[in-house]
């Protein structure tokens, strides 16, 4: 069985559970089965997060107006936090860990001020960030005109403080984006634990499969409090958007 093939793991554990009569062993199998289901959920939700979050950013471009700073890709991700107050420098660096233009944005005092380990938007920047949040709010409403009521789990991540807008679509966008950044952190940690720098690898490369499996295990944390029906309902809801 290949690392990260969580549905296959579930199948085999389910078969083992059907044959098991020892109460203690059954409890261990049930625990492992629930863990595999949470990891499978994390992997499959990640696909939906990419499918749903990225188009909001792309569509919002049509609603941007007025002055555009030279750091739109960076500020666009941070607008829902920085428009309302400072953000830790570490969190900013984590959100844009792969963006080669981050240092230039942080060094531009017309838009961002870095002091005491915190990043603050200037008054000029906040005006733009308000426009970005309005654009994201409109784009989310365009793409999800009638979103279902989803029990999106909360995550312990700085992007959980994001507030793009007050519409149901904007709040959903914030929750999905926080989950996506939570997984990005898990992915970076898995690469670091393997002693490797992030790089392109074929999907069937054994090292990549092990790293992706480790990512799923860490990213599964928000889904563990949900039961199997709750996880399935979340996936169905996301796929319906």
Protein backbone atom coordinates (compact mmCIF):
# COMPACT_ATOMS: atom_id res chain seq x y z
CA UNK A 1 0.00 0.00 0.00
CA UNK A 2 1.46 3.36 -1.01
CA UNK A 3 1.93 6.11 1.61
CA UNK A 4 -0.97 8.55 1.54
CA UNK A 5 -3.51 6.18 -0.02
CA UNK A 6 -5.85 6.80 2.88
CA UNK A 7 -9.00 5.35 1.33
CA UNK A 8 -7.17 2.07 0.73
CA UNK A 9 -6.01 2.16 4.35
CA UNK A 10 -9.62 2.66 5.44
CA UNK A 11 -10.71 -0.30 3.32
CA UNK A 12 -8.15 -2.65 4.84
CA UNK A 13 -8.80 -1.45 8.38
CA UNK A 14 -12.53 -1.85 7.86
CA UNK A 15 -12.01 -5.42 6.71
CA UNK A 16 -9.80 -6.10 9.74
CA UNK A 17 -12.45 -4.65 12.03
CA UNK A 18 -15.10 -6.96 10.58
CA UNK A 19 -12.96 -9.98 11.47
CA UNK A 20 -11.80 -8.80 14.89
CA UNK A 21 -13.55 -10.01 18.05
CA UNK A 22 -11.07 -8.82 20.70
CA UNK A 23 -12.49 -5.62 22.32
CA UNK A 24 -9.11 -4.05 22.97
CA UNK A 25 -7.85 -4.70 19.46
CA UNK A 26 -11.14 -3.50 17.98
CA UNK A 27 -10.71 -0.19 19.83
CA UNK A 28 -7.21 0.21 18.38
CA UNK A 29 -8.43 -0.56 14.87
CA UNK A 30 -11.33 1.88 15.23
CA UNK A 31 -8.91 4.59 16.34
CA UNK A 32 -6.63 3.90 13.37
CA UNK A 33 -9.64 3.86 11.04
CA UNK A 34 -10.80 7.25 12.30
CA UNK A 35 -7.27 8.65 11.86
CA UNK A 36 -7.10 7.37 8.28
CA UNK A 37 -10.50 8.93 7.56
CA UNK A 38 -9.36 12.28 8.97
CA UNK A 39 -6.20 12.15 6.83
CA UNK A 40 -8.24 11.25 3.74
CA UNK A 41 -10.52 14.19 4.49
CA UNK A 42 -7.54 16.54 4.80
CA UNK A 43 -6.16 15.38 1.45
CA UNK A 44 -9.48 15.67 -0.38
CA UNK A 45 -10.45 19.00 1.21
CA UNK A 46 -7.08 20.39 0.06
CA UNK A 47 -8.10 19.79 -3.56
CA UNK A 48 -11.35 21.69 -3.00
CA UNK A 49 -9.61 24.55 -1.19
CA UNK A 50 -7.36 25.15 -4.19
CA UNK A 51 -10.33 24.92 -6.54
CA UNK A 52 -12.39 27.41 -4.52
CA UNK A 53 -9.95 29.97 -3.08
CA UNK A 54 -7.76 30.71 -6.10
CA UNK A 55 -10.66 31.77 -8.39
CA UNK A 56 -11.83 34.33 -5.81
CA UNK A 57 -8.43 36.02 -6.00
CA UNK A 58 -8.45 35.92 -9.80
CA UNK A 59 -12.01 37.17 -10.21
CA UNK A 60 -11.52 39.98 -7.70
CA UNK A 61 -9.03 41.65 -10.08
CA UNK A 62 -11.91 42.98 -12.16
CA UNK A 63 -13.20 44.95 -9.15
CA UNK A 64 -9.94 46.63 -8.18
CA UNK A 65 -9.80 50.31 -8.98
CA UNK A 66 -7.72 53.36 -8.19
CA UNK A 67 -4.04 53.27 -7.29
CA UNK A 68 -2.36 49.87 -7.44
CA UNK A 69 0.80 49.36 -5.39
CA UNK A 70 3.70 47.34 -6.77
CA UNK A 71 2.95 44.57 -4.23
CA UNK A 72 -0.59 43.53 -5.18
CA UNK A 73 -0.04 39.73 -4.96
CA UNK A 74 1.35 40.04 -1.43
CA UNK A 75 -1.10 42.61 -0.13
CA UNK A 76 -4.01 40.76 -1.69
CA UNK A 77 -3.43 37.76 0.58
CA UNK A 78 -2.92 39.89 3.68
CA UNK A 79 -5.64 42.48 3.15
CA UNK A 80 -8.23 40.76 5.32
CA UNK A 81 -5.85 40.99 8.31
CA UNK A 82 -3.74 44.11 7.71
CA UNK A 83 -6.78 46.28 6.93
CA UNK A 84 -7.82 45.83 10.56
CA UNK A 85 -4.49 45.99 12.38
CA UNK A 86 -0.93 44.64 12.54
CA UNK A 87 0.17 41.09 11.73
CA UNK A 88 3.22 39.35 13.10
CA UNK A 89 6.24 39.40 10.81
CA UNK A 90 6.64 35.66 11.22
CA UNK A 91 3.06 35.06 10.07
CA UNK A 92 3.56 37.32 7.05
CA UNK A 93 6.72 35.44 6.11
CA UNK A 94 4.95 32.09 6.54
CA UNK A 95 2.03 33.10 4.34
CA UNK A 96 4.44 34.18 1.59
CA UNK A 97 7.31 31.78 2.28
CA UNK A 98 7.72 31.01 -1.43
CA UNK A 99 7.21 34.54 -2.78
CA UNK A 100 10.54 36.00 -3.96
CA UNK A 101 9.11 39.53 -3.84
CA UNK A 102 8.19 39.56 -0.16
CA UNK A 103 11.36 41.26 1.06
CA UNK A 104 10.88 44.11 -1.42
CA UNK A 105 7.34 44.65 -0.17
CA UNK A 106 8.46 44.64 3.47
CA UNK A 107 11.18 47.15 2.65
CA UNK A 108 8.75 49.62 1.02
CA UNK A 109 7.77 52.10 3.78
CA UNK A 110 5.13 53.72 1.58
CA UNK A 111 3.01 50.60 2.04
CA UNK A 112 4.22 48.51 4.96
CA UNK A 113 5.99 49.31 8.22
CA UNK A 114 7.98 46.58 9.99
CA UNK A 115 8.69 47.30 13.64
CA UNK A 116 8.97 45.19 16.77
CA UNK A 117 8.29 41.95 14.93
CA UNK A 118 5.00 43.27 13.54
CA UNK A 119 3.91 44.41 10.09
CA UNK A 120 1.51 47.34 9.85
CA UNK A 121 -0.14 48.84 6.79
CA UNK A 122 0.35 52.55 6.23
CA UNK A 123 -2.69 54.79 5.85
CA UNK A 124 -2.14 54.79 2.10
CA UNK A 125 -1.95 51.01 2.10
CA UNK A 126 -5.09 50.58 4.22
CA UNK A 127 -7.10 52.49 1.64
CA UNK A 128 -6.03 49.95 -0.96
CA UNK A 129 -6.65 47.01 1.37
CA UNK A 130 -10.24 48.12 1.90
CA UNK A 131 -10.72 48.01 -1.88
CA UNK A 132 -9.12 44.54 -2.01
CA UNK A 133 -11.49 43.24 0.66
CA UNK A 134 -14.48 44.70 -1.17
CA UNK A 135 -13.27 43.07 -4.39
CA UNK A 136 -12.87 39.68 -2.69
CA UNK A 137 -16.32 40.03 -1.16
CA UNK A 138 -17.89 40.72 -4.56
CA UNK A 139 -15.93 37.93 -6.24
CA UNK A 140 -16.98 35.37 -3.61
CA UNK A 141 -20.62 36.43 -4.05
CA UNK A 142 -20.28 36.02 -7.82
CA UNK A 143 -18.84 32.53 -7.52
CA UNK A 144 -20.96 31.27 -4.63
CA UNK A 145 -24.35 33.00 -4.98
CA UNK A 146 -26.12 30.57 -2.64
CA UNK A 147 -23.51 28.82 -0.47
CA UNK A 148 -24.63 25.90 1.71
CA UNK A 149 -24.28 26.10 5.48
CA UNK A 150 -20.95 24.38 6.01
CA UNK A 151 -19.38 23.37 9.32
CA UNK A 152 -15.90 24.50 8.31
CA UNK A 153 -13.56 23.68 11.20
CA UNK A 154 -11.59 26.48 12.80
CA UNK A 155 -7.79 26.37 12.80
CA UNK A 156 -5.17 27.84 15.09
CA UNK A 157 -3.57 30.03 12.44
CA UNK A 158 -2.95 33.80 12.15
CA UNK A 159 -5.18 33.88 9.07
CA UNK A 160 -8.09 32.85 11.28
CA UNK A 161 -8.19 36.52 12.30
CA UNK A 162 -8.97 37.50 8.70
CA UNK A 163 -12.14 39.43 8.03
CA UNK A 164 -12.77 40.10 4.36
CA UNK A 165 -16.39 41.15 4.75
CA UNK A 166 -19.64 40.41 6.55
CA UNK A 167 -21.49 38.46 3.85
CA UNK A 168 -21.83 34.66 4.20
CA UNK A 169 -19.62 34.25 1.13
CA UNK A 170 -16.88 36.49 2.53
CA UNK A 171 -16.90 34.69 5.86
CA UNK A 172 -16.72 31.34 4.06
CA UNK A 173 -13.80 32.64 1.98
CA UNK A 174 -11.95 33.58 5.17
CA UNK A 175 -12.50 30.16 6.77
CA UNK A 176 -11.45 28.28 3.65
CA UNK A 177 -8.36 30.42 3.21
CA UNK A 178 -7.31 29.83 6.83
CA UNK A 179 -7.61 26.08 6.27
CA UNK A 180 -5.54 26.37 3.12
CA UNK A 181 -2.77 28.25 4.92
CA UNK A 182 -2.90 25.71 7.75
CA UNK A 183 -2.19 22.96 5.24
CA UNK A 184 0.57 25.04 3.62
CA UNK A 185 2.29 25.23 7.02
CA UNK A 186 1.94 21.46 7.44
CA UNK A 187 3.41 20.93 3.97
CA UNK A 188 6.42 23.16 4.69
CA UNK A 189 7.00 21.37 8.00
CA UNK A 190 6.87 17.96 6.29
CA UNK A 191 9.53 19.01 3.79
CA UNK A 192 11.70 20.38 6.58
CA UNK A 193 11.28 17.18 8.62
CA UNK A 194 12.50 15.23 5.59
CA UNK A 195 15.60 17.44 5.49
CA UNK A 196 14.72 18.71 2.02
CA UNK A 197 13.98 21.99 0.29
CA UNK A 198 10.61 22.22 -1.47
CA UNK A 199 11.03 21.27 -5.11
CA UNK A 200 9.11 19.75 -8.00
CA UNK A 201 8.85 15.96 -7.94
CA UNK A 202 6.80 13.47 -9.97
CA UNK A 203 3.52 12.61 -8.25
CA UNK A 204 4.58 8.96 -7.88
CA UNK A 205 8.01 9.71 -6.43
CA UNK A 206 8.29 7.71 -3.16
CA UNK A 207 9.84 10.65 -1.28
CA UNK A 208 7.08 12.99 -2.41
CA UNK A 209 4.42 10.46 -1.43
CA UNK A 210 5.90 10.19 2.06
CA UNK A 211 6.02 13.98 2.40
CA UNK A 212 2.42 14.32 1.22
CA UNK A 213 1.33 11.62 3.68
CA UNK A 214 3.09 13.48 6.52
CA UNK A 215 1.37 16.66 5.38
CA UNK A 216 -2.02 14.95 5.49
CA UNK A 217 -1.40 13.71 9.04
CA UNK A 218 -0.59 17.22 10.30
CA UNK A 219 -3.29 18.90 8.22
CA UNK A 220 -5.89 16.43 9.54
CA UNK A 221 -5.87 18.04 12.99
CA UNK A 222 -8.89 20.35 12.38
CA UNK A 223 -10.95 17.43 11.04
CA UNK A 224 -10.36 15.01 13.93
CA UNK A 225 -13.09 16.51 16.17
CA UNK A 226 -15.63 15.82 13.40
CA UNK A 227 -17.15 12.37 13.10
CA UNK A 228 -17.16 10.50 9.79
CA UNK A 229 -20.56 11.87 8.81
CA UNK A 230 -19.43 15.43 9.54
CA UNK A 231 -16.32 15.03 7.41
CA UNK A 232 -18.34 13.54 4.56
CA UNK A 233 -20.87 16.38 4.78
CA UNK A 234 -18.08 18.95 4.62
CA UNK A 235 -16.63 17.37 1.47
CA UNK A 236 -20.05 17.13 -0.18
CA UNK A 237 -20.74 20.77 0.65
CA UNK A 238 -17.42 21.99 -0.70
CA UNK A 239 -17.84 19.97 -3.89
CA UNK A 240 -21.25 21.53 -4.41
CA UNK A 241 -19.82 25.06 -4.54
